[in-house]
Protein backbone atom coordinates (compact mmCIF):
# COMPACT_ATOMS: atom_id res chain seq x y z
CA UNK A 1 0.00 0.00 0.00
CA UNK A 2 1.07 3.62 -0.49
CA UNK A 3 2.63 5.51 2.37
CA UNK A 4 0.82 8.53 3.84
CA UNK A 5 3.37 10.82 2.23
CA UNK A 6 2.73 9.29 -1.21
CA UNK A 7 -1.01 9.70 -0.66
CA UNK A 8 -0.50 13.41 0.10
CA UNK A 9 1.47 13.77 -3.17
CA UNK A 10 -1.41 12.18 -5.05
CA UNK A 11 -3.97 14.52 -3.50
CA UNK A 12 -1.80 17.47 -4.50
CA UNK A 13 -1.71 16.13 -8.07
CA UNK A 14 -5.46 15.44 -8.23
CA UNK A 15 -6.37 18.76 -9.96
CA UNK A 16 -3.83 18.12 -12.70
CA UNK A 17 -4.84 16.71 -16.05
CA UNK A 18 -2.34 15.10 -18.44
CA UNK A 19 -1.75 17.21 -21.52
CA UNK A 20 -3.26 15.45 -24.54
CA UNK A 21 -0.52 14.24 -26.86
CA UNK A 22 -0.88 14.84 -30.60
CA UNK A 23 -1.78 11.68 -32.46
CA UNK A 24 -0.03 10.42 -35.57
CA UNK A 25 -2.01 11.48 -38.61
CA UNK A 26 -0.40 9.14 -41.10
CA UNK A 27 -2.23 5.94 -42.04
CA UNK A 28 1.06 4.01 -42.15
CA UNK A 29 1.54 2.17 -38.83
CA UNK A 30 5.29 2.70 -38.87
CA UNK A 31 5.54 6.22 -40.29
CA UNK A 32 8.31 8.20 -38.67
CA UNK A 33 6.88 11.66 -39.28
CA UNK A 34 3.38 13.14 -39.61
CA UNK A 35 2.31 14.58 -42.92
CA UNK A 36 3.77 18.06 -43.44
CA UNK A 37 1.56 21.09 -42.94
CA UNK A 38 0.12 22.91 -45.92
CA UNK A 39 2.47 25.49 -47.42
CA UNK A 40 -0.20 28.09 -46.61
CA UNK A 41 0.07 27.30 -42.89
CA UNK A 42 2.80 29.31 -41.20
CA UNK A 43 3.21 27.24 -37.99
CA UNK A 44 5.66 24.34 -37.77
CA UNK A 45 4.26 20.76 -37.59
CA UNK A 46 3.89 19.20 -34.14
CA UNK A 47 6.62 16.77 -33.11
CA UNK A 48 5.99 13.12 -33.96
CA UNK A 49 4.66 11.02 -31.09
CA UNK A 50 3.10 7.58 -30.71
CA UNK A 51 1.60 8.53 -27.32
CA UNK A 52 -2.15 7.96 -27.08
CA UNK A 53 -3.71 10.59 -24.83
CA UNK A 54 -6.62 8.33 -23.85
CA UNK A 55 -4.23 5.61 -22.72
CA UNK A 56 -2.21 8.10 -20.69
CA UNK A 57 -5.34 9.45 -19.03
CA UNK A 58 -6.42 5.89 -18.19
CA UNK A 59 -3.13 4.98 -16.51
CA UNK A 60 -2.91 8.35 -14.79
CA UNK A 61 -6.20 7.55 -13.05
CA UNK A 62 -4.72 4.25 -11.87
CA UNK A 63 -1.33 5.65 -10.85
CA UNK A 64 -1.97 5.57 -7.10
CA UNK A 65 -2.17 1.76 -7.23
CA UNK A 66 1.28 1.10 -8.70
CA UNK A 67 2.90 -0.09 -5.48
CA UNK A 68 -0.09 -1.99 -4.11
CA UNK A 69 1.09 -5.59 -4.58
CA UNK A 70 -2.44 -6.97 -4.21
CA UNK A 71 -4.23 -4.34 -6.28
CA UNK A 72 -4.55 -3.23 -9.90
CA UNK A 73 -0.93 -4.06 -10.81
CA UNK A 74 -0.57 -7.26 -8.75
CA UNK A 75 0.14 -9.37 -11.85
CA UNK A 76 2.89 -6.97 -12.96
CA UNK A 77 4.52 -7.18 -9.52
CA UNK A 78 4.61 -10.96 -9.93
CA UNK A 79 5.84 -10.71 -13.52
CA UNK A 80 8.71 -8.34 -12.68
CA UNK A 81 11.23 -11.00 -11.47
CA UNK A 82 10.84 -12.96 -14.71
CA UNK A 83 11.23 -9.81 -16.80
CA UNK A 84 14.47 -9.03 -14.97
CA UNK A 85 15.61 -12.64 -15.44
CA UNK A 86 15.03 -12.40 -19.18
CA UNK A 87 17.08 -9.19 -19.35
CA UNK A 88 19.82 -10.96 -17.36
CA UNK A 89 19.91 -13.90 -19.75
CA UNK A 90 20.20 -11.65 -22.78
CA UNK A 91 22.56 -8.99 -21.44
CA UNK A 92 24.69 -10.52 -18.68
CA UNK A 93 24.93 -13.95 -20.36
CA UNK A 94 25.48 -12.58 -23.86
CA UNK A 95 28.09 -14.87 -25.53
CA UNK A 96 29.96 -11.75 -26.67
CA UNK A 97 30.67 -10.88 -23.02
CA UNK A 98 32.43 -14.17 -22.25
CA UNK A 99 36.10 -13.72 -21.29
CA UNK A 100 38.65 -14.86 -23.83
CA UNK A 101 39.81 -18.46 -23.30
CA UNK A 102 43.50 -18.95 -22.54
CA UNK A 103 45.65 -21.90 -21.51
CA UNK A 104 46.79 -20.03 -18.41
CA UNK A 105 43.28 -19.22 -17.24
CA UNK A 106 41.48 -22.39 -18.30
CA UNK A 107 41.32 -23.72 -14.72
CA UNK A 108 39.19 -20.74 -13.76
CA UNK A 109 36.63 -21.25 -16.51
CA UNK A 110 34.01 -22.82 -14.22
CA UNK A 111 34.33 -20.12 -11.56
CA UNK A 112 34.09 -17.35 -14.15
CA UNK A 113 31.06 -18.99 -15.76
CA UNK A 114 29.32 -19.28 -12.39
CA UNK A 115 30.07 -15.60 -11.62
CA UNK A 116 28.57 -14.30 -14.87
CA UNK A 117 25.23 -12.64 -14.36
CA UNK A 118 25.60 -12.48 -10.59
CA UNK A 119 25.77 -9.41 -8.39
CA UNK A 120 25.44 -6.01 -10.06
CA UNK A 121 25.64 -7.30 -13.60
CA UNK A 122 24.37 -4.03 -15.13
CA UNK A 123 27.29 -2.00 -13.79
CA UNK A 124 28.77 0.27 -16.43
CA UNK A 125 25.71 0.06 -18.71
CA UNK A 126 23.28 2.86 -19.50
CA UNK A 127 19.70 1.56 -19.42
CA UNK A 128 16.43 3.10 -20.63
CA UNK A 129 13.00 2.01 -19.33
CA UNK A 130 10.27 3.40 -21.59
CA UNK A 131 6.78 3.54 -20.08
CA UNK A 132 8.13 2.94 -16.58
CA UNK A 133 4.81 3.44 -14.78
CA UNK A 134 5.45 3.53 -11.05
CA UNK A 135 9.01 2.25 -11.44
CA UNK A 136 8.69 -1.51 -10.82
CA UNK A 137 11.30 -2.52 -13.39
CA UNK A 138 13.39 0.66 -13.15
CA UNK A 139 14.10 0.23 -9.44
CA UNK A 140 15.13 -3.40 -9.98
CA UNK A 141 17.55 -2.50 -12.78
CA UNK A 142 19.08 0.32 -10.73
CA UNK A 143 19.69 -2.05 -7.81
CA UNK A 144 21.65 -4.24 -10.22
CA UNK A 145 24.10 -1.42 -10.87
CA UNK A 146 22.61 0.06 -14.02
CA UNK A 147 22.66 3.75 -14.91
CA UNK A 148 18.90 3.83 -15.44
CA UNK A 149 16.81 6.54 -17.04
CA UNK A 150 13.08 5.76 -16.67
CA UNK A 151 10.51 7.76 -18.62
CA UNK A 152 6.73 7.88 -18.84
CA UNK A 153 4.25 10.08 -20.70
CA UNK A 154 2.06 10.29 -17.59
CA UNK A 155 3.08 12.97 -15.08
CA UNK A 156 1.09 11.13 -12.40
CA UNK A 157 3.08 7.92 -12.94
CA UNK A 158 6.37 9.80 -12.70
CA UNK A 159 5.24 11.52 -9.48
CA UNK A 160 4.43 8.14 -7.90
CA UNK A 161 7.74 6.65 -9.08
CA UNK A 162 9.72 9.58 -7.67
CA UNK A 163 7.89 9.47 -4.34
CA UNK A 164 8.46 5.74 -3.91
CA UNK A 165 12.14 5.92 -4.87
CA UNK A 166 12.81 8.88 -2.56
CA UNK A 167 11.75 6.84 0.49
CA UNK A 168 14.44 4.17 -0.02
CA UNK A 169 17.87 5.28 1.26
CA UNK A 170 19.50 2.24 -0.36
CA UNK A 171 18.32 3.12 -3.85
CA UNK A 172 20.65 5.25 -6.05
CA UNK A 173 17.81 7.61 -6.90
CA UNK A 174 18.52 11.06 -8.32
CA UNK A 175 16.02 13.59 -6.98
CA UNK A 176 14.44 15.93 -9.50
CA UNK A 177 16.86 18.80 -10.11
CA UNK A 178 19.79 16.99 -8.45
CA UNK A 179 22.90 15.83 -10.27
CA UNK A 180 23.85 12.81 -8.14
CA UNK A 181 22.03 9.98 -6.30
CA UNK A 182 20.86 10.49 -2.72
CA UNK A 183 22.74 7.35 -1.64
CA UNK A 184 26.22 5.98 -2.18
CA UNK A 185 24.85 2.69 -3.54
CA UNK A 186 26.20 1.64 -6.96
CA UNK A 187 24.07 2.53 -9.95
CA UNK A 188 21.84 5.47 -10.77
CA UNK A 189 18.09 5.97 -11.19
CA UNK A 190 16.53 9.04 -12.77
CA UNK A 191 12.89 9.63 -13.75
CA UNK A 192 11.70 12.02 -16.47
CA UNK A 193 8.23 12.96 -17.66
CA UNK A 194 8.80 12.73 -21.41
CA UNK A 195 8.23 10.51 -24.45
CA UNK A 196 10.52 8.10 -26.26
CA UNK A 197 10.30 10.24 -29.40
CA UNK A 198 11.46 13.37 -27.57
CA UNK A 199 14.36 11.46 -26.06
CA UNK A 200 15.37 10.04 -29.45
CA UNK A 201 15.17 13.45 -31.09
CA UNK A 202 17.47 14.80 -28.34
CA UNK A 203 20.15 12.32 -29.46
CA UNK A 204 20.06 10.04 -26.40
CA UNK A 205 21.47 6.49 -26.70
CA UNK A 206 21.66 3.46 -24.41
CA UNK A 207 23.27 0.05 -23.99
CA UNK A 208 19.93 -1.52 -23.04
CA UNK A 209 16.49 -0.22 -24.08
CA UNK A 210 13.52 -1.81 -22.30
CA UNK A 211 9.81 -1.25 -22.81
CA UNK A 212 7.55 -3.62 -20.89
CA UNK A 213 3.81 -3.89 -21.56
CA UNK A 214 3.81 -0.67 -23.60
CA UNK A 215 3.68 -1.73 -27.26
CA UNK A 216 0.00 -2.70 -26.97
CA UNK A 217 -0.90 0.79 -25.70
CA UNK A 218 0.73 3.14 -28.24
CA UNK A 219 -0.47 4.60 -31.51
CA UNK A 220 1.67 3.63 -34.53
CA UNK A 221 3.51 0.67 -32.93
CA UNK A 222 5.88 0.51 -35.90
CA UNK A 223 7.05 4.09 -35.36
CA UNK A 224 7.42 3.36 -31.66
CA UNK A 225 9.62 0.32 -32.35
CA UNK A 226 11.78 2.31 -34.76
CA UNK A 227 12.19 5.00 -32.13
CA UNK A 228 13.38 2.44 -29.56
CA UNK A 229 15.74 0.87 -32.07
CA UNK A 230 17.27 4.25 -32.93
CA UNK A 231 18.31 4.69 -29.29
CA UNK A 232 20.10 1.32 -29.00
CA UNK A 233 23.86 1.76 -29.19
CA UNK A 234 25.94 -0.54 -31.45
CA UNK A 235 26.33 -3.82 -29.57
CA UNK A 236 23.35 -2.91 -27.35
CA UNK A 237 20.08 -4.67 -26.61
CA UNK A 238 16.37 -3.99 -27.10
CA UNK A 239 14.05 -5.92 -24.75
CA UNK A 240 10.24 -5.80 -24.81
CA UNK A 241 7.26 -7.60 -23.33
CA UNK A 242 3.77 -7.51 -24.84
CA UNK A 243 0.65 -9.55 -25.65
CA UNK A 244 -0.09 -11.63 -28.73
CA UNK A 245 -3.25 -11.11 -30.76
CA UNK A 246 -4.88 -14.54 -30.33
CA UNK A 247 -8.32 -15.77 -29.27
CA UNK A 248 -6.82 -17.15 -26.04
CA UNK A 249 -5.24 -13.78 -25.24
CA UNK A 250 -8.61 -12.13 -25.80
CA UNK A 251 -10.29 -14.63 -23.48
CA UNK A 252 -7.73 -14.37 -20.67
CA UNK A 253 -6.76 -10.71 -20.90
CA UNK A 254 -10.06 -9.07 -21.78
CA UNK A 255 -12.97 -11.39 -20.98
CA UNK A 256 -11.67 -12.94 -17.76
CA UNK A 257 -9.13 -10.48 -16.32
CA UNK A 258 -11.11 -7.33 -17.14
CA UNK A 259 -14.79 -8.18 -17.60
CA UNK A 260 -15.36 -11.17 -15.29
CA UNK A 261 -12.77 -11.22 -12.51
CA UNK A 262 -12.02 -7.48 -12.58
CA UNK A 263 -8.34 -8.14 -11.84
CA UNK A 264 -7.64 -5.30 -14.27
CA UNK A 265 -9.77 -2.21 -14.87
CA UNK A 266 -12.04 -2.67 -17.93
CA UNK A 267 -10.75 -0.75 -20.92
CA UNK A 268 -7.08 -1.25 -20.07
CA UNK A 269 -6.43 -3.37 -23.18
CA UNK A 270 -7.63 -3.22 -26.79
CA UNK A 271 -7.50 -6.52 -28.68
CA UNK A 272 -6.75 -4.96 -32.07
CA UNK A 273 -3.57 -3.38 -30.63
CA UNK A 274 -2.01 -6.72 -29.69
CA UNK A 275 0.98 -7.74 -31.85
CA UNK A 276 1.83 -11.34 -32.67
CA UNK A 277 5.43 -12.56 -32.17
CA UNK A 278 6.05 -13.25 -35.84
CA UNK A 279 4.70 -9.81 -36.78
CA UNK A 280 7.15 -8.17 -34.39
CA UNK A 281 10.15 -10.18 -35.62
CA UNK A 282 9.27 -9.56 -39.28
CA UNK A 283 8.77 -5.83 -38.76
CA UNK A 284 12.23 -5.39 -37.21
CA UNK A 285 13.69 -7.27 -40.17
CA UNK A 286 11.75 -5.44 -42.89
CA UNK A 287 11.57 -1.91 -41.48
CA UNK A 288 14.49 -1.53 -39.05
CA UNK A 289 17.51 -2.59 -41.07
CA UNK A 290 17.32 -6.37 -40.92
CA UNK A 291 20.56 -8.29 -40.51
CA UNK A 292 22.63 -5.29 -41.56
CA UNK A 293 21.67 -3.54 -38.33
CA UNK A 294 20.68 -6.38 -36.00
CA UNK A 295 22.39 -9.68 -35.23
CA UNK A 296 20.90 -12.98 -36.26
CA UNK A 297 19.42 -14.99 -33.41
CA UNK A 298 21.96 -17.55 -32.12
CA UNK A 299 21.05 -21.03 -33.35
CA UNK A 300 18.02 -19.89 -35.35
CA UNK A 301 19.58 -18.79 -38.64
CA UNK A 302 18.90 -22.18 -40.29
CA UNK A 303 15.28 -22.31 -39.03
CA UNK A 304 13.68 -19.01 -40.01
CA UNK A 305 14.71 -16.15 -42.29
CA UNK A 306 13.50 -12.59 -42.77
CA UNK A 307 12.91 -12.21 -39.03
CA UNK A 308 15.02 -10.47 -36.40
CA UNK A 309 15.25 -11.27 -32.70
CA UNK A 310 13.98 -13.86 -30.27
CA UNK A 311 10.50 -14.18 -28.81
CA UNK A 312 9.85 -16.22 -25.68
CA UNK A 313 6.62 -16.94 -23.89
CA UNK A 314 5.89 -15.96 -20.30
CA UNK A 315 3.02 -17.86 -18.64
CA UNK A 316 1.25 -17.30 -15.34
CA UNK A 317 1.25 -20.28 -12.98
CA UNK A 318 -1.87 -19.90 -10.78
CA UNK A 319 -0.80 -22.73 -8.45
CA UNK A 320 2.61 -21.20 -7.75
CA UNK A 321 1.28 -17.63 -7.96
CA UNK A 322 4.10 -16.58 -10.27
CA UNK A 323 5.04 -16.09 -13.91
CA UNK A 324 7.44 -18.45 -15.68
CA UNK A 325 9.50 -18.04 -18.83
CA UNK A 326 8.70 -20.89 -21.19
CA UNK A 327 11.45 -23.09 -22.67
CA UNK A 328 11.61 -24.21 -26.26
CA UNK A 329 13.98 -24.05 -29.21
CA UNK A 330 13.12 -22.39 -32.51
CA UNK A 331 11.36 -24.79 -34.84
CA UNK A 332 9.81 -26.99 -32.15
CA UNK A 333 6.02 -27.41 -32.18
CA UNK A 334 5.60 -26.41 -28.54
CA UNK A 335 7.52 -23.11 -28.59
CA UNK A 336 4.68 -21.09 -30.21
CA UNK A 337 2.26 -22.43 -27.57
CA UNK A 338 4.22 -20.65 -24.85
CA UNK A 339 3.96 -17.36 -26.77
CA UNK A 340 0.22 -17.56 -27.39
CA UNK A 341 -0.64 -14.86 -24.81
CA UNK A 342 2.23 -12.96 -23.12
CA UNK A 343 5.75 -13.00 -24.50
CA UNK A 344 9.17 -11.34 -24.31
CA UNK A 345 11.23 -10.05 -27.23
CA UNK A 346 14.97 -9.42 -27.58
CA UNK A 347 17.18 -8.13 -30.39
CA UNK A 348 20.85 -7.18 -30.31
CA UNK A 349 22.26 -4.44 -32.53
CA UNK A 350 25.46 -5.17 -34.44
CA UNK A 351 28.59 -3.69 -32.88
């Protein structure tokens, strides 16, 4: 539950209303710029954004519940450890980060392998969390040593995230207007009320770009993906989580979770905005540079072509009360079954 101080911050924010974001006017789902203004119009065109003002207003109304582990975002709290684990597998256990083998050091191979991905494995890496909400993922990544910038288009979400982070003396949180964290703990965590497009246009770049449960809420998902990809440094990683557009996803996410059980506020999801795993992989290949920009998936080059990145299912276990990453190699019949509702996505940019 929220602390009394956080509740007071919310009451102070209650009169505020999020500023409606301009919507993309182009009919192309991955257009990078809106259509230019008429030559008879003297004002400059608004900046491109994939932010949907209705979605932002919806999540702003729910912002006070972000840190209630049994409330509106209970399933995201339970999903967070598996999201972090997936990032760990892709970033900390990246084959490119393995130490060079030598005869002299061969006896230490097992110890070095066991140490990989342990401790503060994000140390030295700049990380972006797009659509951070109340900061569930951002705080976790900062505790692992990352230099984390977390952004959200909702001012209410950012206010909640800042309030929660400021109450933890062990978190390397940078207060608004400060230049350094309020603790000596390794890592760094900064929150900004902004959009991914504004950050990209400012020339920002990162070693790891994350965006969890956001793709299904934006306008022009193609333009949003391109924006994220633009901010990934050479050799860096892009990691997403989203929902597939399948009848089972509609049943579980909309009918049961929203309409019947009311685990999630009705209207949170829109079925037509869900993106299937193969659609995501094919878009990155066709519209974001393909293999010239992104690396081929390890072990999958002889199984599928014209697709970039890995998708991996994440399934809720009601008996254990937790989410689990599904196993499965590319080309097996059971791998797509794990990705039929929620799934993760990873792509690595060429160095």
